[in-house]
């Protein structure tokens, strides 16, 4: 028997053209039901009126957000269902903080339509979505000893050099293990390391730790 349950999506974005183009594309998918909001207050009202959406695409910079405070409010309002950061440009620090505040991932506005749909379906399946480019593309800021590492990546790497496990690092930095694994993957990519042990060796050789 085929599961025909309709999944609900809320696009919360203040850019009308982006909002309407994405909604038009998603509404062509028979399993998706799509609503739109242009600011945080209208998004929260829509969530309350419907009783929650399966996925909320939340623009980080739209009116009313006030940064991570808006993410937290949306996550709480959606009561356990997925809220995903939806932005044209979000730093790794912002995405990591959003995950710690309950977001289920980060979907860039630059994704092609088909990839966006796949990302939404991935989140609907209960997973956390992060684009590959988020892990591999260089991000300006804070190079240390020639390596382009963010301050948080450097803190994680130093804990790794102390021989700590992901669970121990997560506890020390007051982060989740999922976030630590995300940082480990990014660190290994940046250092050209095969695994976390190799990353620690490289860090020690270059006096990063």
C-alpha atoms as a PDB file:
ATOM      1  CA  UNK A   1       0.000   0.000   0.000  1.00  0.00           C
ATOM      2  CA  UNK A   2       1.420   3.424  -0.965  1.00  0.00           C
ATOM      3  CA  UNK A   3       1.807   6.110   1.726  1.00  0.00           C
ATOM      4  CA  UNK A   4      -0.029   9.174   0.401  1.00  0.00           C
ATOM      5  CA  UNK A   5       0.346  11.353   3.487  1.00  0.00           C
ATOM      6  CA  UNK A   6       0.770  15.011   2.625  1.00  0.00           C
ATOM      7  CA  UNK A   7       3.786  16.738   4.162  1.00  0.00           C
ATOM      8  CA  UNK A   8       3.499  20.392   5.118  1.00  0.00           C
ATOM      9  CA  UNK A   9       6.165  23.007   4.374  1.00  0.00           C
ATOM     10  CA  UNK A  10       6.313  26.650   5.443  1.00  0.00           C
ATOM     11  CA  UNK A  11       8.580  29.009   3.490  1.00  0.00           C
ATOM     12  CA  UNK A  12       9.396  31.926   5.798  1.00  0.00           C
ATOM     13  CA  UNK A  13      11.322  34.475   3.744  1.00  0.00           C
ATOM     14  CA  UNK A  14      10.956  38.214   3.191  1.00  0.00           C
ATOM     15  CA  UNK A  15      12.085  38.079  -0.458  1.00  0.00           C
ATOM     16  CA  UNK A  16       8.816  37.760  -2.375  1.00  0.00           C
ATOM     17  CA  UNK A  17      10.321  36.480  -5.612  1.00  0.00           C
ATOM     18  CA  UNK A  18      12.353  33.746  -3.880  1.00  0.00           C
ATOM     19  CA  UNK A  19       9.407  32.798  -1.682  1.00  0.00           C
ATOM     20  CA  UNK A  20       6.947  32.508  -4.558  1.00  0.00           C
ATOM     21  CA  UNK A  21       9.322  30.721  -6.949  1.00  0.00           C
ATOM     22  CA  UNK A  22      10.169  28.062  -4.376  1.00  0.00           C
ATOM     23  CA  UNK A  23       6.534  27.675  -3.356  1.00  0.00           C
ATOM     24  CA  UNK A  24       5.484  27.271  -7.002  1.00  0.00           C
ATOM     25  CA  UNK A  25       8.062  24.538  -7.572  1.00  0.00           C
ATOM     26  CA  UNK A  26       7.321  22.656  -4.351  1.00  0.00           C
ATOM     27  CA  UNK A  27       3.569  22.767  -4.958  1.00  0.00           C
ATOM     28  CA  UNK A  28       4.139  20.750  -8.129  1.00  0.00           C
ATOM     29  CA  UNK A  29       5.109  17.840  -5.864  1.00  0.00           C
ATOM     30  CA  UNK A  30       1.913  15.905  -5.004  1.00  0.00           C
ATOM     31  CA  UNK A  31       3.096  14.978  -1.515  1.00  0.00           C
ATOM     32  CA  UNK A  32       3.842  18.557  -0.425  1.00  0.00           C
ATOM     33  CA  UNK A  33       1.501  21.230   0.888  1.00  0.00           C
ATOM     34  CA  UNK A  34       3.138  24.676   1.006  1.00  0.00           C
ATOM     35  CA  UNK A  35       2.398  27.914   2.871  1.00  0.00           C
ATOM     36  CA  UNK A  36       4.365  31.176   2.925  1.00  0.00           C
ATOM     37  CA  UNK A  37       5.285  33.887   5.448  1.00  0.00           C
ATOM     38  CA  UNK A  38       7.264  37.093   5.023  1.00  0.00           C
ATOM     39  CA  UNK A  39       8.500  37.698   8.591  1.00  0.00           C
ATOM     40  CA  UNK A  40       8.932  35.890  11.877  1.00  0.00           C
ATOM     41  CA  UNK A  41       5.657  37.074  13.422  1.00  0.00           C
ATOM     42  CA  UNK A  42       3.592  35.829  10.465  1.00  0.00           C
ATOM     43  CA  UNK A  43       5.560  32.571  10.467  1.00  0.00           C
ATOM     44  CA  UNK A  44       4.859  31.999  14.159  1.00  0.00           C
ATOM     45  CA  UNK A  45       1.176  32.773  13.564  1.00  0.00           C
ATOM     46  CA  UNK A  46       1.051  30.308  10.663  1.00  0.00           C
ATOM     47  CA  UNK A  47       2.707  27.627  12.799  1.00  0.00           C
ATOM     48  CA  UNK A  48       0.265  28.210  15.654  1.00  0.00           C
ATOM     49  CA  UNK A  49      -2.743  28.248  13.337  1.00  0.00           C
ATOM     50  CA  UNK A  50      -1.792  25.004  11.618  1.00  0.00           C
ATOM     51  CA  UNK A  51      -0.447  23.309  14.727  1.00  0.00           C
ATOM     52  CA  UNK A  52       3.040  22.929  13.275  1.00  0.00           C
ATOM     53  CA  UNK A  53       4.665  22.157   9.919  1.00  0.00           C
ATOM     54  CA  UNK A  54       6.697  19.111   8.967  1.00  0.00           C
ATOM     55  CA  UNK A  55       9.425  21.473   7.726  1.00  0.00           C
ATOM     56  CA  UNK A  56       9.871  25.226   8.205  1.00  0.00           C
ATOM     57  CA  UNK A  57      12.394  26.934   5.922  1.00  0.00           C
ATOM     58  CA  UNK A  58      13.477  29.878   8.065  1.00  0.00           C
ATOM     59  CA  UNK A  59      15.258  32.864   6.539  1.00  0.00           C
ATOM     60  CA  UNK A  60      17.910  33.930   9.053  1.00  0.00           C
ATOM     61  CA  UNK A  61      17.798  37.627   8.125  1.00  0.00           C
ATOM     62  CA  UNK A  62      14.091  38.326   7.609  1.00  0.00           C
ATOM     63  CA  UNK A  63      12.309  40.918   9.783  1.00  0.00           C
ATOM     64  CA  UNK A  64      11.746  39.906  13.395  1.00  0.00           C
ATOM     65  CA  UNK A  65      14.437  37.222  13.532  1.00  0.00           C
ATOM     66  CA  UNK A  66      17.021  38.966  15.728  1.00  0.00           C
ATOM     67  CA  UNK A  67      19.514  36.259  14.829  1.00  0.00           C
ATOM     68  CA  UNK A  68      19.489  33.034  16.799  1.00  0.00           C
ATOM     69  CA  UNK A  69      16.678  34.278  19.043  1.00  0.00           C
ATOM     70  CA  UNK A  70      14.325  33.919  16.080  1.00  0.00           C
ATOM     71  CA  UNK A  71      15.566  30.401  15.385  1.00  0.00           C
ATOM     72  CA  UNK A  72      14.864  29.421  18.985  1.00  0.00           C
ATOM     73  CA  UNK A  73      11.356  30.902  18.879  1.00  0.00           C
ATOM     74  CA  UNK A  74      10.529  29.070  15.650  1.00  0.00           C
ATOM     75  CA  UNK A  75      11.893  25.758  16.952  1.00  0.00           C
ATOM     76  CA  UNK A  76       9.859  26.076  20.138  1.00  0.00           C
ATOM     77  CA  UNK A  77       6.710  27.048  18.222  1.00  0.00           C
ATOM     78  CA  UNK A  78       7.025  24.125  15.798  1.00  0.00           C
ATOM     79  CA  UNK A  79       7.128  21.770  18.779  1.00  0.00           C
ATOM     80  CA  UNK A  80       9.504  19.025  17.713  1.00  0.00           C
ATOM     81  CA  UNK A  81       9.046  19.267  13.960  1.00  0.00           C
ATOM     82  CA  UNK A  82      11.857  20.379  11.671  1.00  0.00           C
ATOM     83  CA  UNK A  83      13.038  23.975  11.384  1.00  0.00           C
ATOM     84  CA  UNK A  84      15.828  24.483   8.862  1.00  0.00           C
ATOM     85  CA  UNK A  85      18.015  27.558   8.481  1.00  0.00           C
ATOM     86  CA  UNK A  86      17.392  28.978   5.005  1.00  0.00           C
ATOM     87  CA  UNK A  87      19.902  31.608   3.957  1.00  0.00           C
ATOM     88  CA  UNK A  88      21.924  32.888   1.052  1.00  0.00           C
ATOM     89  CA  UNK A  89      25.028  33.172   3.186  1.00  0.00           C
ATOM     90  CA  UNK A  90      25.466  31.768   6.681  1.00  0.00           C
ATOM     91  CA  UNK A  91      28.800  31.270   8.430  1.00  0.00           C
ATOM     92  CA  UNK A  92      29.772  27.937   9.949  1.00  0.00           C
ATOM     93  CA  UNK A  93      29.532  29.536  13.390  1.00  0.00           C
ATOM     94  CA  UNK A  94      25.964  30.646  12.678  1.00  0.00           C
ATOM     95  CA  UNK A  95      24.929  27.239  11.355  1.00  0.00           C
ATOM     96  CA  UNK A  96      26.542  25.421  14.286  1.00  0.00           C
ATOM     97  CA  UNK A  97      24.793  27.735  16.746  1.00  0.00           C
ATOM     98  CA  UNK A  98      21.476  27.219  14.957  1.00  0.00           C
ATOM     99  CA  UNK A  99      21.920  23.436  15.259  1.00  0.00           C
ATOM    100  CA  UNK A 100      22.590  23.841  18.967  1.00  0.00           C
ATOM    101  CA  UNK A 101      19.359  25.830  19.194  1.00  0.00           C
ATOM    102  CA  UNK A 102      17.380  22.989  17.648  1.00  0.00           C
ATOM    103  CA  UNK A 103      17.558  23.618  13.896  1.00  0.00           C
ATOM    104  CA  UNK A 104      17.658  20.518  11.675  1.00  0.00           C
ATOM    105  CA  UNK A 105      20.219  21.813   9.237  1.00  0.00           C
ATOM    106  CA  UNK A 106      21.079  24.526   6.743  1.00  0.00           C
ATOM    107  CA  UNK A 107      19.708  24.796   3.206  1.00  0.00           C
ATOM    108  CA  UNK A 108      21.346  27.529   1.070  1.00  0.00           C
ATOM    109  CA  UNK A 109      19.096  29.606  -1.166  1.00  0.00           C
ATOM    110  CA  UNK A 110      21.601  28.974  -3.947  1.00  0.00           C
ATOM    111  CA  UNK A 111      20.709  25.273  -4.244  1.00  0.00           C
ATOM    112  CA  UNK A 112      19.167  24.265  -7.585  1.00  0.00           C
ATOM    113  CA  UNK A 113      15.443  23.503  -7.356  1.00  0.00           C
ATOM    114  CA  UNK A 114      15.873  19.733  -7.576  1.00  0.00           C
ATOM    115  CA  UNK A 115      18.586  19.745  -4.908  1.00  0.00           C
ATOM    116  CA  UNK A 116      16.385  21.903  -2.676  1.00  0.00           C
ATOM    117  CA  UNK A 117      13.576  19.378  -2.998  1.00  0.00           C
ATOM    118  CA  UNK A 118      15.959  16.530  -2.180  1.00  0.00           C
ATOM    119  CA  UNK A 119      17.228  18.447   0.863  1.00  0.00           C
ATOM    120  CA  UNK A 120      13.670  18.954   2.119  1.00  0.00           C
ATOM    121  CA  UNK A 121      12.898  15.257   1.615  1.00  0.00           C
ATOM    122  CA  UNK A 122      16.094  14.404   3.514  1.00  0.00           C
ATOM    123  CA  UNK A 123      14.919  16.515   6.452  1.00  0.00           C
ATOM    124  CA  UNK A 124      11.433  15.019   6.236  1.00  0.00           C
ATOM    125  CA  UNK A 125      13.089  11.623   6.662  1.00  0.00           C
ATOM    126  CA  UNK A 126      14.370  12.784  10.047  1.00  0.00           C
ATOM    127  CA  UNK A 127      17.935  13.649   9.043  1.00  0.00           C
ATOM    128  CA  UNK A 128      20.015  16.807   9.505  1.00  0.00           C
ATOM    129  CA  UNK A 129      20.898  18.392   6.170  1.00  0.00           C
ATOM    130  CA  UNK A 130      24.162  20.242   5.521  1.00  0.00           C
ATOM    131  CA  UNK A 131      25.361  20.880   1.946  1.00  0.00           C
ATOM    132  CA  UNK A 132      28.687  19.380   0.913  1.00  0.00           C
ATOM    133  CA  UNK A 133      29.985  22.840  -0.005  1.00  0.00           C
ATOM    134  CA  UNK A 134      29.442  23.920   3.603  1.00  0.00           C
ATOM    135  CA  UNK A 135      32.042  21.361   4.670  1.00  0.00           C
ATOM    136  CA  UNK A 136      34.549  21.814   1.852  1.00  0.00           C
ATOM    137  CA  UNK A 137      34.518  25.407   0.610  1.00  0.00           C
ATOM    138  CA  UNK A 138      36.990  27.805   2.221  1.00  0.00           C
ATOM    139  CA  UNK A 139      35.540  30.401   4.547  1.00  0.00           C
ATOM    140  CA  UNK A 140      37.277  33.717   5.098  1.00  0.00           C
ATOM    141  CA  UNK A 141      38.431  34.487   8.645  1.00  0.00           C
ATOM    142  CA  UNK A 142      40.810  33.342  11.185  1.00  0.00           C
ATOM    143  CA  UNK A 143      43.630  31.451   9.637  1.00  0.00           C
ATOM    144  CA  UNK A 144      45.974  30.013  12.192  1.00  0.00           C
ATOM    145  CA  UNK A 145      49.488  28.852  11.288  1.00  0.00           C
ATOM    146  CA  UNK A 146      48.502  29.013   7.605  1.00  0.00           C
ATOM    147  CA  UNK A 147      45.351  26.918   8.034  1.00  0.00           C
ATOM    148  CA  UNK A 148      41.924  28.457   7.468  1.00  0.00           C
ATOM    149  CA  UNK A 149      40.234  27.339  10.685  1.00  0.00           C
ATOM    150  CA  UNK A 150      37.434  29.142  12.477  1.00  0.00           C
ATOM    151  CA  UNK A 151      37.843  29.883  16.217  1.00  0.00           C
ATOM    152  CA  UNK A 152      35.469  27.041  17.104  1.00  0.00           C
ATOM    153  CA  UNK A 153      37.261  24.606  14.783  1.00  0.00           C
ATOM    154  CA  UNK A 154      40.534  25.556  16.476  1.00  0.00           C
ATOM    155  CA  UNK A 155      39.032  24.890  19.915  1.00  0.00           C
ATOM    156  CA  UNK A 156      37.763  21.499  18.779  1.00  0.00           C
ATOM    157  CA  UNK A 157      41.137  20.655  17.239  1.00  0.00           C
ATOM    158  CA  UNK A 158      42.975  21.530  20.455  1.00  0.00           C
ATOM    159  CA  UNK A 159      40.680  19.219  22.404  1.00  0.00           C
ATOM    160  CA  UNK A 160      41.379  16.503  19.826  1.00  0.00           C
ATOM    161  CA  UNK A 161      45.116  17.012  20.345  1.00  0.00           C
ATOM    162  CA  UNK A 162      44.536  16.395  24.050  1.00  0.00           C
ATOM    163  CA  UNK A 163      43.327  12.922  23.107  1.00  0.00           C
ATOM    164  CA  UNK A 164      39.683  13.517  23.899  1.00  0.00           C
ATOM    165  CA  UNK A 165      36.799  11.672  22.259  1.00  0.00           C
ATOM    166  CA  UNK A 166      33.987  13.438  20.417  1.00  0.00           C
ATOM    167  CA  UNK A 167      31.735  12.871  23.426  1.00  0.00           C
ATOM    168  CA  UNK A 168      34.278  14.431  25.779  1.00  0.00           C
ATOM    169  CA  UNK A 169      34.851  17.392  23.458  1.00  0.00           C
ATOM    170  CA  UNK A 170      31.105  17.930  23.177  1.00  0.00           C
ATOM    171  CA  UNK A 171      30.815  17.992  26.966  1.00  0.00           C
ATOM    172  CA  UNK A 172      33.783  20.353  27.399  1.00  0.00           C
ATOM    173  CA  UNK A 173      32.497  22.839  24.802  1.00  0.00           C
ATOM    174  CA  UNK A 174      28.828  22.438  25.722  1.00  0.00           C
ATOM    175  CA  UNK A 175      27.939  21.266  22.220  1.00  0.00           C
ATOM    176  CA  UNK A 176      26.222  18.174  20.840  1.00  0.00           C
ATOM    177  CA  UNK A 177      28.142  15.207  19.449  1.00  0.00           C
ATOM    178  CA  UNK A 178      26.476  15.832  16.062  1.00  0.00           C
ATOM    179  CA  UNK A 179      28.005  19.313  15.985  1.00  0.00           C
ATOM    180  CA  UNK A 180      31.425  18.000  17.010  1.00  0.00           C
ATOM    181  CA  UNK A 181      31.301  15.411  14.223  1.00  0.00           C
ATOM    182  CA  UNK A 182      30.460  18.217  11.803  1.00  0.00           C
ATOM    183  CA  UNK A 183      33.482  20.187  12.979  1.00  0.00           C
ATOM    184  CA  UNK A 184      35.726  17.098  12.769  1.00  0.00           C
ATOM    185  CA  UNK A 185      34.730  16.521   9.175  1.00  0.00           C
ATOM    186  CA  UNK A 186      35.415  20.153   8.322  1.00  0.00           C
ATOM    187  CA  UNK A 187      38.777  20.101  10.147  1.00  0.00           C
ATOM    188  CA  UNK A 188      39.903  16.965   8.314  1.00  0.00           C
ATOM    189  CA  UNK A 189      38.925  18.516   4.977  1.00  0.00           C
ATOM    190  CA  UNK A 190      40.827  21.732   5.697  1.00  0.00           C
ATOM    191  CA  UNK A 191      43.959  19.971   6.944  1.00  0.00           C
ATOM    192  CA  UNK A 192      43.870  17.308   4.245  1.00  0.00           C
ATOM    193  CA  UNK A 193      43.683  14.677   6.971  1.00  0.00           C
ATOM    194  CA  UNK A 194      42.462  11.116   6.403  1.00  0.00           C
ATOM    195  CA  UNK A 195      40.890  10.865   9.862  1.00  0.00           C
ATOM    196  CA  UNK A 196      40.838  12.522  13.297  1.00  0.00           C
ATOM    197  CA  UNK A 197      44.142  10.892  14.348  1.00  0.00           C
ATOM    198  CA  UNK A 198      45.840  12.159  11.208  1.00  0.00           C
ATOM    199  CA  UNK A 199      44.363  15.622  11.869  1.00  0.00           C
ATOM    200  CA  UNK A 200      45.903  15.655  15.356  1.00  0.00           C
ATOM    201  CA  UNK A 201      49.280  14.635  13.925  1.00  0.00           C
ATOM    202  CA  UNK A 202      49.168  17.446  11.334  1.00  0.00           C
ATOM    203  CA  UNK A 203      48.129  19.943  13.995  1.00  0.00           C
ATOM    204  CA  UNK A 204      51.040  18.963  16.219  1.00  0.00           C
ATOM    205  CA  UNK A 205      53.519  19.088  13.338  1.00  0.00           C
ATOM    206  CA  UNK A 206      52.445  22.622  12.473  1.00  0.00           C
ATOM    207  CA  UNK A 207      52.129  23.796  16.092  1.00  0.00           C
ATOM    208  CA  UNK A 208      48.408  24.466  15.770  1.00  0.00           C
ATOM    209  CA  UNK A 209      47.743  22.696  19.070  1.00  0.00           C
END
